[in-house]
Amino acid sequence: MKLLLIRHAQSQNNVIEDRPDYAQARQPDPPLTAHGHASARQFAQDADLGSVTHLYTSLMLRAVQTAAPIAARLNLPAHGLELAYEYGDLTTGPAGGFTPVTGSDHATLRTHCPALLWPAHLHGQPWHGGAEPWQEPLFHARATQVLTDLRARHPGQDRVALITHHDFAGALIRAALGWPATDTPPTFHLAHLGTALLDLPDGGGVGGLLWLNR
């Protein structure tokens, strides 16, 4: 299986990261900016995606909104992947004591991406929001689980695209390369709408990173 990681487009939290009131102004599940929406549409139009056979997306709003034009371009459903969320996931942040926040439900997210398919085990429920301790071994274990699940679903020559997030994309790359979990892992910086292509052999062997930030 080839796994194409795509980082979501620019979100409203991204553009305020340097403001002194960021902790108070940030949103637990921010939407894309107008620039982010335009960039996602341009990416869907221009990127070389013709060989993608299956499309998955994190259930965070900015990923689902990024998935919408890509799914339309490919004429594929966008399978919601519950575990593909960003590190720490949905909380109120430091200003709110990192209180967990529940994610959106299927009906709400389908208004942003009509092609979104909901995980079967969450039928009729919102996703839990994924709030978790900020611990690298937990992130590594979640990335390993995502890769294991995708390999089981897509043996052989499938080419899978996954819209995910900066830090978690790095965890997926490290797990695919067989690197162990550490408290201070090497960082793979993936730009907004940057892509990384992983080659994941059948049987769970160590994979390869074919490109980063194409």
C-alpha atoms as a PDB file:
ATOM      1  CA  MET A   1       0.000   0.000   0.000  1.00  0.00           C
ATOM      2  CA  LYS A   2       1.062   3.551  -0.708  1.00  0.00           C
ATOM      3  CA  LEU A   3      -0.167   6.060   1.906  1.00  0.00           C
ATOM      4  CA  LEU A   4      -0.316   9.715   0.885  1.00  0.00           C
ATOM      5  CA  LEU A   5      -0.459  11.970   3.943  1.00  0.00           C
ATOM      6  CA  ILE A   6      -2.000  15.403   3.322  1.00  0.00           C
ATOM      7  CA  ARG A   7      -1.920  18.110   5.959  1.00  0.00           C
ATOM      8  CA  HIS A   8      -5.102  20.161   6.194  1.00  0.00           C
ATOM      9  CA  ALA A   9      -5.221  23.715   4.833  1.00  0.00           C
ATOM     10  CA  GLN A  10      -4.782  26.839   6.976  1.00  0.00           C
ATOM     11  CA  SER A  11      -7.161  27.018   9.955  1.00  0.00           C
ATOM     12  CA  GLN A  12      -8.363  29.979  11.964  1.00  0.00           C
ATOM     13  CA  ASN A  13      -6.155  28.941  14.884  1.00  0.00           C
ATOM     14  CA  ASN A  14      -3.095  28.876  12.633  1.00  0.00           C
ATOM     15  CA  VAL A  15      -3.363  32.588  11.811  1.00  0.00           C
ATOM     16  CA  ILE A  16      -3.503  33.703  15.463  1.00  0.00           C
ATOM     17  CA  GLU A  17      -0.731  31.496  16.863  1.00  0.00           C
ATOM     18  CA  ASP A  18       1.602  34.474  17.421  1.00  0.00           C
ATOM     19  CA  ARG A  19      -0.960  36.714  19.098  1.00  0.00           C
ATOM     20  CA  PRO A  20      -0.547  37.313  22.843  1.00  0.00           C
ATOM     21  CA  ASP A  21      -4.203  36.392  23.389  1.00  0.00           C
ATOM     22  CA  TYR A  22      -3.921  33.100  21.506  1.00  0.00           C
ATOM     23  CA  ALA A  23      -4.794  30.971  24.548  1.00  0.00           C
ATOM     24  CA  GLN A  24      -8.053  32.887  24.990  1.00  0.00           C
ATOM     25  CA  ALA A  25      -8.912  33.236  21.290  1.00  0.00           C
ATOM     26  CA  ARG A  26      -8.145  29.714  20.047  1.00  0.00           C
ATOM     27  CA  GLN A  27     -11.035  27.394  19.173  1.00  0.00           C
ATOM     28  CA  PRO A  28     -11.097  23.710  20.162  1.00  0.00           C
ATOM     29  CA  ASP A  29     -12.075  22.652  16.633  1.00  0.00           C
ATOM     30  CA  PRO A  30     -11.310  25.581  14.311  1.00  0.00           C
ATOM     31  CA  PRO A  31     -12.597  25.837  10.745  1.00  0.00           C
ATOM     32  CA  LEU A  32     -10.474  26.757   7.760  1.00  0.00           C
ATOM     33  CA  THR A  33      -9.846  30.386   6.932  1.00  0.00           C
ATOM     34  CA  ALA A  34     -11.097  31.795   3.635  1.00  0.00           C
ATOM     35  CA  HIS A  35      -7.525  31.378   2.373  1.00  0.00           C
ATOM     36  CA  GLY A  36      -7.558  27.779   3.603  1.00  0.00           C
ATOM     37  CA  HIS A  37     -10.743  26.988   1.682  1.00  0.00           C
ATOM     38  CA  ALA A  38      -9.349  28.563  -1.489  1.00  0.00           C
ATOM     39  CA  SER A  39      -6.055  26.702  -1.105  1.00  0.00           C
ATOM     40  CA  ALA A  40      -7.849  23.382  -0.588  1.00  0.00           C
ATOM     41  CA  ARG A  41      -9.874  23.922  -3.759  1.00  0.00           C
ATOM     42  CA  GLN A  42      -6.711  24.810  -5.693  1.00  0.00           C
ATOM     43  CA  PHE A  43      -4.906  21.773  -4.302  1.00  0.00           C
ATOM     44  CA  ALA A  44      -7.758  19.476  -5.331  1.00  0.00           C
ATOM     45  CA  GLN A  45      -7.634  20.942  -8.835  1.00  0.00           C
ATOM     46  CA  ASP A  46      -3.862  20.931  -9.341  1.00  0.00           C
ATOM     47  CA  ALA A  47      -2.369  18.087  -7.264  1.00  0.00           C
ATOM     48  CA  ASP A  48      -1.485  14.790  -8.895  1.00  0.00           C
ATOM     49  CA  LEU A  49      -4.157  12.656  -7.209  1.00  0.00           C
ATOM     50  CA  GLY A  50      -5.304  10.531 -10.130  1.00  0.00           C
ATOM     51  CA  SER A  51      -3.925   7.280  -8.736  1.00  0.00           C
ATOM     52  CA  VAL A  52      -5.573   7.603  -5.296  1.00  0.00           C
ATOM     53  CA  THR A  53      -7.997   4.721  -4.796  1.00  0.00           C
ATOM     54  CA  HIS A  54      -9.315   5.490  -1.294  1.00  0.00           C
ATOM     55  CA  LEU A  55      -9.673   8.701   0.714  1.00  0.00           C
ATOM     56  CA  TYR A  56      -9.691   9.051   4.515  1.00  0.00           C
ATOM     57  CA  THR A  57      -9.894  12.073   6.769  1.00  0.00           C
ATOM     58  CA  SER A  58      -9.508  13.018  10.393  1.00  0.00           C
ATOM     59  CA  LEU A  59     -12.832  14.018  11.956  1.00  0.00           C
ATOM     60  CA  MET A  60     -11.552  17.436  13.006  1.00  0.00           C
ATOM     61  CA  LEU A  61     -13.403  20.214  11.176  1.00  0.00           C
ATOM     62  CA  ARG A  62     -10.381  21.649   9.365  1.00  0.00           C
ATOM     63  CA  ALA A  63      -9.509  18.227   7.950  1.00  0.00           C
ATOM     64  CA  VAL A  64     -13.086  17.468   6.874  1.00  0.00           C
ATOM     65  CA  GLN A  65     -13.324  20.855   5.133  1.00  0.00           C
ATOM     66  CA  THR A  66     -10.037  20.148   3.368  1.00  0.00           C
ATOM     67  CA  ALA A  67     -11.354  16.747   2.282  1.00  0.00           C
ATOM     68  CA  ALA A  68     -14.476  18.162   0.609  1.00  0.00           C
ATOM     69  CA  PRO A  69     -12.965  19.424  -2.679  1.00  0.00           C
ATOM     70  CA  ILE A  70     -10.547  16.485  -2.831  1.00  0.00           C
ATOM     71  CA  ALA A  71     -13.401  13.975  -2.540  1.00  0.00           C
ATOM     72  CA  ALA A  72     -15.339  15.862  -5.204  1.00  0.00           C
ATOM     73  CA  ARG A  73     -12.333  15.903  -7.557  1.00  0.00           C
ATOM     74  CA  LEU A  74     -11.696  12.167  -7.080  1.00  0.00           C
ATOM     75  CA  ASN A  75     -15.388  11.204  -6.986  1.00  0.00           C
ATOM     76  CA  LEU A  76     -14.604   9.145  -3.872  1.00  0.00           C
ATOM     77  CA  PRO A  77     -16.213   8.938  -0.452  1.00  0.00           C
ATOM     78  CA  ALA A  78     -14.191  10.460   2.384  1.00  0.00           C
ATOM     79  CA  HIS A  79     -13.993   7.811   5.089  1.00  0.00           C
ATOM     80  CA  GLY A  80     -13.881   9.340   8.548  1.00  0.00           C
ATOM     81  CA  LEU A  81     -10.898   7.937  10.455  1.00  0.00           C
ATOM     82  CA  GLU A  82     -11.521   8.395  14.148  1.00  0.00           C
ATOM     83  CA  LEU A  83      -7.918   8.013  15.332  1.00  0.00           C
ATOM     84  CA  ALA A  84      -6.282  10.393  12.825  1.00  0.00           C
ATOM     85  CA  TYR A  85      -6.744  13.507  14.972  1.00  0.00           C
ATOM     86  CA  GLU A  86      -4.025  15.922  16.057  1.00  0.00           C
ATOM     87  CA  TYR A  87      -1.984  15.545  19.240  1.00  0.00           C
ATOM     88  CA  GLY A  88      -4.069  16.181  22.341  1.00  0.00           C
ATOM     89  CA  ASP A  89      -7.157  16.816  20.252  1.00  0.00           C
ATOM     90  CA  LEU A  90     -10.309  18.639  21.270  1.00  0.00           C
ATOM     91  CA  THR A  91      -9.978  20.569  24.518  1.00  0.00           C
ATOM     92  CA  THR A  92     -10.609  24.091  25.737  1.00  0.00           C
ATOM     93  CA  GLY A  93      -6.856  24.663  25.821  1.00  0.00           C
ATOM     94  CA  PRO A  94      -4.831  26.379  28.539  1.00  0.00           C
ATOM     95  CA  ALA A  95      -7.381  29.148  29.105  1.00  0.00           C
ATOM     96  CA  GLY A  96     -10.057  26.560  29.863  1.00  0.00           C
ATOM     97  CA  GLY A  97      -7.945  24.116  31.841  1.00  0.00           C
ATOM     98  CA  PHE A  98      -7.738  21.674  28.906  1.00  0.00           C
ATOM     99  CA  THR A  99     -11.300  20.485  29.499  1.00  0.00           C
ATOM    100  CA  PRO A 100     -12.267  17.789  26.947  1.00  0.00           C
ATOM    101  CA  VAL A 101     -14.641  18.854  24.162  1.00  0.00           C
ATOM    102  CA  THR A 102     -16.851  16.427  22.236  1.00  0.00           C
ATOM    103  CA  GLY A 103     -16.416  16.358  18.476  1.00  0.00           C
ATOM    104  CA  SER A 104     -19.073  17.021  15.842  1.00  0.00           C
ATOM    105  CA  ASP A 105     -21.630  14.489  14.650  1.00  0.00           C
ATOM    106  CA  HIS A 106     -22.026  13.100  11.144  1.00  0.00           C
ATOM    107  CA  ALA A 107     -24.865  15.383  10.100  1.00  0.00           C
ATOM    108  CA  THR A 108     -22.932  18.492  11.090  1.00  0.00           C
ATOM    109  CA  LEU A 109     -19.721  17.485   9.336  1.00  0.00           C
ATOM    110  CA  ARG A 110     -21.576  16.379   6.199  1.00  0.00           C
ATOM    111  CA  THR A 111     -22.678  19.989   5.709  1.00  0.00           C
ATOM    112  CA  HIS A 112     -18.983  20.696   5.166  1.00  0.00           C
ATOM    113  CA  CYS A 113     -18.154  17.526   3.218  1.00  0.00           C
ATOM    114  CA  PRO A 114     -21.157  15.738   1.674  1.00  0.00           C
ATOM    115  CA  ALA A 115     -18.950  12.754   0.764  1.00  0.00           C
ATOM    116  CA  LEU A 116     -18.051  12.052   4.408  1.00  0.00           C
ATOM    117  CA  LEU A 117     -18.721   8.487   5.566  1.00  0.00           C
ATOM    118  CA  TRP A 118     -19.069   7.965   9.304  1.00  0.00           C
ATOM    119  CA  PRO A 119     -17.258   5.219  11.242  1.00  0.00           C
ATOM    120  CA  ALA A 120     -19.765   2.382  11.619  1.00  0.00           C
ATOM    121  CA  HIS A 121     -19.234   1.972  15.359  1.00  0.00           C
ATOM    122  CA  LEU A 122     -20.144   5.651  15.899  1.00  0.00           C
ATOM    123  CA  HIS A 123     -23.511   5.381  14.148  1.00  0.00           C
ATOM    124  CA  GLY A 124     -25.852   8.006  15.555  1.00  0.00           C
ATOM    125  CA  GLN A 125     -23.168   9.467  17.836  1.00  0.00           C
ATOM    126  CA  PRO A 126     -20.673  12.312  17.630  1.00  0.00           C
ATOM    127  CA  TRP A 127     -17.045  11.311  17.850  1.00  0.00           C
ATOM    128  CA  HIS A 128     -15.519  11.557  21.295  1.00  0.00           C
ATOM    129  CA  GLY A 129     -13.094  14.387  20.507  1.00  0.00           C
ATOM    130  CA  GLY A 130      -9.981  12.429  21.417  1.00  0.00           C
ATOM    131  CA  ALA A 131      -8.782  14.515  24.392  1.00  0.00           C
ATOM    132  CA  GLU A 132      -5.670  12.781  25.710  1.00  0.00           C
ATOM    133  CA  PRO A 133      -2.575  13.436  27.828  1.00  0.00           C
ATOM    134  CA  TRP A 134       0.319  15.052  25.986  1.00  0.00           C
ATOM    135  CA  GLN A 135       2.550  11.987  25.997  1.00  0.00           C
ATOM    136  CA  GLU A 136       4.609  10.945  22.999  1.00  0.00           C
ATOM    137  CA  PRO A 137       4.252   7.172  23.634  1.00  0.00           C
ATOM    138  CA  LEU A 138       0.458   7.569  23.427  1.00  0.00           C
ATOM    139  CA  PHE A 139       0.728   9.416  20.118  1.00  0.00           C
ATOM    140  CA  HIS A 140       3.115   6.783  18.767  1.00  0.00           C
ATOM    141  CA  ALA A 141       0.755   3.971  19.793  1.00  0.00           C
ATOM    142  CA  ARG A 142      -2.168   5.715  18.083  1.00  0.00           C
ATOM    143  CA  ALA A 143      -0.167   6.234  14.901  1.00  0.00           C
ATOM    144  CA  THR A 144       0.859   2.578  14.925  1.00  0.00           C
ATOM    145  CA  GLN A 145      -2.801   1.568  15.292  1.00  0.00           C
ATOM    146  CA  VAL A 146      -3.842   3.759  12.352  1.00  0.00           C
ATOM    147  CA  LEU A 147      -1.170   2.198  10.129  1.00  0.00           C
ATOM    148  CA  THR A 148      -2.106  -1.325  11.260  1.00  0.00           C
ATOM    149  CA  ASP A 149      -5.791  -0.704  10.522  1.00  0.00           C
ATOM    150  CA  LEU A 150      -5.123   0.801   7.090  1.00  0.00           C
ATOM    151  CA  ARG A 151      -2.785  -2.031   6.134  1.00  0.00           C
ATOM    152  CA  ALA A 152      -5.451  -4.559   7.104  1.00  0.00           C
ATOM    153  CA  ARG A 153      -8.063  -2.765   4.994  1.00  0.00           C
ATOM    154  CA  HIS A 154      -5.809  -2.183   1.992  1.00  0.00           C
ATOM    155  CA  PRO A 155      -3.400  -5.010   1.236  1.00  0.00           C
ATOM    156  CA  GLY A 156      -1.708  -4.986  -2.124  1.00  0.00           C
ATOM    157  CA  GLN A 157      -1.528  -2.051  -4.503  1.00  0.00           C
ATOM    158  CA  ASP A 158      -4.103   0.359  -3.085  1.00  0.00           C
ATOM    159  CA  ARG A 159      -3.052   4.008  -2.963  1.00  0.00           C
ATOM    160  CA  VAL A 160      -4.671   5.620   0.071  1.00  0.00           C
ATOM    161  CA  ALA A 161      -4.813   9.340   0.884  1.00  0.00           C
ATOM    162  CA  LEU A 162      -5.298  10.520   4.470  1.00  0.00           C
ATOM    163  CA  ILE A 163      -5.986  14.120   5.454  1.00  0.00           C
ATOM    164  CA  THR A 164      -4.462  14.614   8.865  1.00  0.00           C
ATOM    165  CA  HIS A 165      -2.421  17.080  10.948  1.00  0.00           C
ATOM    166  CA  HIS A 166       1.129  18.332  11.400  1.00  0.00           C
ATOM    167  CA  ASP A 167       2.243  16.574  14.576  1.00  0.00           C
ATOM    168  CA  PHE A 168       0.281  13.391  13.953  1.00  0.00           C
ATOM    169  CA  ALA A 169       1.627  13.140  10.399  1.00  0.00           C
ATOM    170  CA  GLY A 170       5.094  13.094  11.954  1.00  0.00           C
ATOM    171  CA  ALA A 171       4.050  10.301  14.297  1.00  0.00           C
ATOM    172  CA  LEU A 172       2.702   8.305  11.347  1.00  0.00           C
ATOM    173  CA  ILE A 173       5.975   8.744   9.448  1.00  0.00           C
ATOM    174  CA  ARG A 174       8.090   7.683  12.417  1.00  0.00           C
ATOM    175  CA  ALA A 175       5.882   4.654  13.085  1.00  0.00           C
ATOM    176  CA  ALA A 176       5.989   3.641   9.415  1.00  0.00           C
ATOM    177  CA  LEU A 177       9.801   3.841   9.439  1.00  0.00           C
ATOM    178  CA  GLY A 178       9.929   1.605  12.502  1.00  0.00           C
ATOM    179  CA  TRP A 179      11.387   4.260  14.791  1.00  0.00           C
ATOM    180  CA  PRO A 180      10.695   3.690  18.505  1.00  0.00           C
ATOM    181  CA  ALA A 181       8.691   6.082  20.643  1.00  0.00           C
ATOM    182  CA  THR A 182      10.784   8.627  22.527  1.00  0.00           C
ATOM    183  CA  ASP A 183       9.896  11.647  24.649  1.00  0.00           C
ATOM    184  CA  THR A 184      11.626  14.006  22.187  1.00  0.00           C
ATOM    185  CA  PRO A 185      11.287  12.464  18.723  1.00  0.00           C
ATOM    186  CA  PRO A 186      12.713  13.946  15.507  1.00  0.00           C
ATOM    187  CA  THR A 187      10.196  16.264  13.854  1.00  0.00           C
ATOM    188  CA  PHE A 188       8.950  16.024  10.289  1.00  0.00           C
ATOM    189  CA  HIS A 189       7.572  19.442   9.325  1.00  0.00           C
ATOM    190  CA  LEU A 190       4.642  19.123   6.916  1.00  0.00           C
ATOM    191  CA  ALA A 191       3.365  22.393   5.450  1.00  0.00           C
ATOM    192  CA  HIS A 192      -0.313  23.175   5.014  1.00  0.00           C
ATOM    193  CA  LEU A 193      -1.478  20.986   2.116  1.00  0.00           C
ATOM    194  CA  GLY A 194       1.998  19.497   1.954  1.00  0.00           C
ATOM    195  CA  THR A 195       2.117  15.787   1.207  1.00  0.00           C
ATOM    196  CA  ALA A 196       4.255  12.880   2.333  1.00  0.00           C
ATOM    197  CA  LEU A 197       4.180   9.525   0.562  1.00  0.00           C
ATOM    198  CA  LEU A 198       4.781   6.338   2.541  1.00  0.00           C
ATOM    199  CA  ASP A 199       5.391   2.904   1.055  1.00  0.00           C
ATOM    200  CA  LEU A 200       3.931   0.336   3.483  1.00  0.00           C
ATOM    201  CA  PRO A 201       4.679  -3.296   2.589  1.00  0.00           C
ATOM    202  CA  ASP A 202       2.141  -5.975   3.367  1.00  0.00           C
ATOM    203  CA  GLY A 203       2.691  -7.919   6.553  1.00  0.00           C
ATOM    204  CA  GLY A 204       3.626  -5.017   8.813  1.00  0.00           C
ATOM    205  CA  GLY A 205       7.263  -4.615   7.814  1.00  0.00           C
ATOM    206  CA  VAL A 206       9.203  -1.360   7.991  1.00  0.00           C
ATOM    207  CA  GLY A 207       8.044   1.126   5.386  1.00  0.00           C
ATOM    208  CA  GLY A 208       9.789   3.852   3.435  1.00  0.00           C
ATOM    209  CA  LEU A 209       9.305   7.606   3.081  1.00  0.00           C
ATOM    210  CA  LEU A 210       9.284   8.379  -0.635  1.00  0.00           C
ATOM    211  CA  TRP A 211       8.828  12.151  -0.345  1.00  0.00           C
ATOM    212  CA  LEU A 212       8.022  14.927   2.116  1.00  0.00           C
ATOM    213  CA  ASN A 213       6.395  18.286   1.331  1.00  0.00           C
ATOM    214  CA  ARG A 214       5.748  17.727  -2.337  1.00  0.00           C
END
